[in-house]
Structures are given as structure tokens and as C-alpha cells.
């Protein structure tokens, strides 16, 4: 998708289409992190940085990890607590 900047007062704005905003779960009041790698402009929701997930999804993932590796974690804890 090719976009151009739109004059907005004494600045310029980049208009982001609603389907993209919806996909990224960006609302009008969502804080955005804006940075650059020197060649590209990077824009991400402050709460959507690096794969941010909901509490529900986090607990679901944590349950899967505990189910799969719980015994290993327990043994590591026991090894770590021995004098």
C-alpha cells in the first residue's frame, strides 16, 4: 500500500486506514510508539509492543508451560534449594 502525507496545520499526518487500525487494535486514544531504524518509520501500539498479549492469553500460555514442564521446574527448584 502506498500512502502520502496529508497537510495538518503546520505539520503533516499519515492517515491509517480503519481495517489496519482494527487489525492492530488501535483506537483513537491508543498511545503509539514511533521510532525509526534509520530507514523506516516504525509505529506500534504502546501496549502492542513485541507481541503483547491479553492477561487471559498469558494465563493460557502459562498453564500450557506448567503442564508440559511443571515437573522439571519443580526439580530445578529442589536442586536450587539444596545446600
C-alpha atoms as a PDB file:
ATOM      1  CA  UNK A   1       0.000   0.000   0.000  1.00  0.00           C
ATOM      2  CA  UNK A   2       1.403   3.380  -0.986  1.00  0.00           C
ATOM      3  CA  UNK A   3       0.410   6.399   1.117  1.00  0.00           C
ATOM      4  CA  UNK A   4       1.233  10.090   1.004  1.00  0.00           C
ATOM      5  CA  UNK A   5       1.282  12.584   3.854  1.00  0.00           C
ATOM      6  CA  UNK A   6      -1.620  14.976   4.370  1.00  0.00           C
ATOM      7  CA  UNK A   7      -1.107  18.607   5.451  1.00  0.00           C
ATOM      8  CA  UNK A   8      -2.347  19.045   9.037  1.00  0.00           C
ATOM      9  CA  UNK A   9      -1.833  22.595  10.334  1.00  0.00           C
ATOM     10  CA  UNK A  10       1.890  23.278  10.210  1.00  0.00           C
ATOM     11  CA  UNK A  11       2.655  19.533  10.233  1.00  0.00           C
ATOM     12  CA  UNK A  12       1.893  16.515   8.106  1.00  0.00           C
ATOM     13  CA  UNK A  13      -0.162  13.454   9.009  1.00  0.00           C
ATOM     14  CA  UNK A  14      -0.216   9.880   7.817  1.00  0.00           C
ATOM     15  CA  UNK A  15      -3.778   8.604   7.524  1.00  0.00           C
ATOM     16  CA  UNK A  16      -4.050   4.945   8.524  1.00  0.00           C
ATOM     17  CA  UNK A  17      -6.998   3.021   7.099  1.00  0.00           C
ATOM     18  CA  UNK A  18      -9.559   1.628   9.546  1.00  0.00           C
ATOM     19  CA  UNK A  19      -9.007  -2.065   8.633  1.00  0.00           C
ATOM     20  CA  UNK A  20      -5.344  -1.704   9.608  1.00  0.00           C
ATOM     21  CA  UNK A  21      -6.275   0.053  12.848  1.00  0.00           C
ATOM     22  CA  UNK A  22      -8.790  -2.691  13.606  1.00  0.00           C
ATOM     23  CA  UNK A  23      -6.265  -5.450  12.932  1.00  0.00           C
ATOM     24  CA  UNK A  24      -3.742  -3.819  15.284  1.00  0.00           C
ATOM     25  CA  UNK A  25      -6.467  -2.951  17.836  1.00  0.00           C
ATOM     26  CA  UNK A  26      -5.569   0.738  17.696  1.00  0.00           C
ATOM     27  CA  UNK A  27      -8.240   3.162  18.912  1.00  0.00           C
ATOM     28  CA  UNK A  28      -8.115   6.973  18.586  1.00  0.00           C
ATOM     29  CA  UNK A  29      -6.791   7.257  22.166  1.00  0.00           C
ATOM     30  CA  UNK A  30      -4.267   4.391  21.932  1.00  0.00           C
ATOM     31  CA  UNK A  31      -0.746   5.621  22.745  1.00  0.00           C
ATOM     32  CA  UNK A  32       1.631   4.852  19.881  1.00  0.00           C
ATOM     33  CA  UNK A  33       5.373   4.244  19.977  1.00  0.00           C
ATOM     34  CA  UNK A  34       7.020   5.891  16.989  1.00  0.00           C
ATOM     35  CA  UNK A  35      10.639   5.086  16.204  1.00  0.00           C
ATOM     36  CA  UNK A  36      12.952   4.586  13.285  1.00  0.00           C
ATOM     37  CA  UNK A  37      15.649   2.144  12.316  1.00  0.00           C
ATOM     38  CA  UNK A  38      17.281   4.827  10.212  1.00  0.00           C
ATOM     39  CA  UNK A  39      15.490   3.815   7.022  1.00  0.00           C
ATOM     40  CA  UNK A  40      11.903   3.080   8.057  1.00  0.00           C
ATOM     41  CA  UNK A  41       9.326   4.593  10.336  1.00  0.00           C
ATOM     42  CA  UNK A  42       8.090   2.084  12.926  1.00  0.00           C
ATOM     43  CA  UNK A  43       4.707   2.661  14.570  1.00  0.00           C
ATOM     44  CA  UNK A  44       3.245   0.283  17.148  1.00  0.00           C
ATOM     45  CA  UNK A  45       0.622   0.489  19.884  1.00  0.00           C
ATOM     46  CA  UNK A  46       2.307   1.115  23.239  1.00  0.00           C
ATOM     47  CA  UNK A  47       0.553  -1.926  24.653  1.00  0.00           C
ATOM     48  CA  UNK A  48       1.077  -3.979  21.414  1.00  0.00           C
ATOM     49  CA  UNK A  49       4.922  -3.900  21.556  1.00  0.00           C
ATOM     50  CA  UNK A  50       6.664  -7.146  20.644  1.00  0.00           C
ATOM     51  CA  UNK A  51       3.658  -9.435  20.705  1.00  0.00           C
ATOM     52  CA  UNK A  52       1.823  -8.016  23.688  1.00  0.00           C
ATOM     53  CA  UNK A  53      -0.914 -10.418  24.798  1.00  0.00           C
ATOM     54  CA  UNK A  54      -4.003 -10.211  26.972  1.00  0.00           C
ATOM     55  CA  UNK A  55      -3.972 -11.493  30.555  1.00  0.00           C
ATOM     56  CA  UNK A  56      -6.270 -14.321  29.505  1.00  0.00           C
ATOM     57  CA  UNK A  57      -3.924 -15.425  26.717  1.00  0.00           C
ATOM     58  CA  UNK A  58      -0.917 -15.081  29.042  1.00  0.00           C
ATOM     59  CA  UNK A  59      -2.504 -17.382  31.639  1.00  0.00           C
ATOM     60  CA  UNK A  60      -3.471 -19.855  28.916  1.00  0.00           C
ATOM     61  CA  UNK A  61       0.148 -19.987  27.736  1.00  0.00           C
ATOM     62  CA  UNK A  62       1.427 -20.209  31.320  1.00  0.00           C
ATOM     63  CA  UNK A  63      -0.909 -23.158  32.006  1.00  0.00           C
ATOM     64  CA  UNK A  64       0.422 -24.980  28.933  1.00  0.00           C
ATOM     65  CA  UNK A  65       4.022 -24.380  30.014  1.00  0.00           C
ATOM     66  CA  UNK A  66       3.318 -25.548  33.560  1.00  0.00           C
ATOM     67  CA  UNK A  67       1.526 -28.637  32.277  1.00  0.00           C
ATOM     68  CA  UNK A  68       4.419 -29.519  29.981  1.00  0.00           C
ATOM     69  CA  UNK A  69       7.384 -28.511  32.150  1.00  0.00           C
ATOM     70  CA  UNK A  70       5.963 -28.365  35.692  1.00  0.00           C
ATOM     71  CA  UNK A  71       7.899 -31.412  36.915  1.00  0.00           C
ATOM     72  CA  UNK A  72      11.143 -30.028  35.514  1.00  0.00           C
ATOM     73  CA  UNK A  73      10.570 -26.671  37.221  1.00  0.00           C
ATOM     74  CA  UNK A  74       9.846 -28.449  40.497  1.00  0.00           C
ATOM     75  CA  UNK A  75      13.063 -30.488  40.259  1.00  0.00           C
ATOM     76  CA  UNK A  76      15.084 -27.381  39.430  1.00  0.00           C
ATOM     77  CA  UNK A  77      13.611 -25.635  42.454  1.00  0.00           C
ATOM     78  CA  UNK A  78      14.538 -28.612  44.657  1.00  0.00           C
ATOM     79  CA  UNK A  79      18.095 -28.692  43.260  1.00  0.00           C
ATOM     80  CA  UNK A  80      18.463 -24.938  43.738  1.00  0.00           C
ATOM     81  CA  UNK A  81      17.333 -25.084  47.398  1.00  0.00           C
ATOM     82  CA  UNK A  82      19.783 -27.832  48.447  1.00  0.00           C
ATOM     83  CA  UNK A  83      22.803 -26.565  50.466  1.00  0.00           C
END
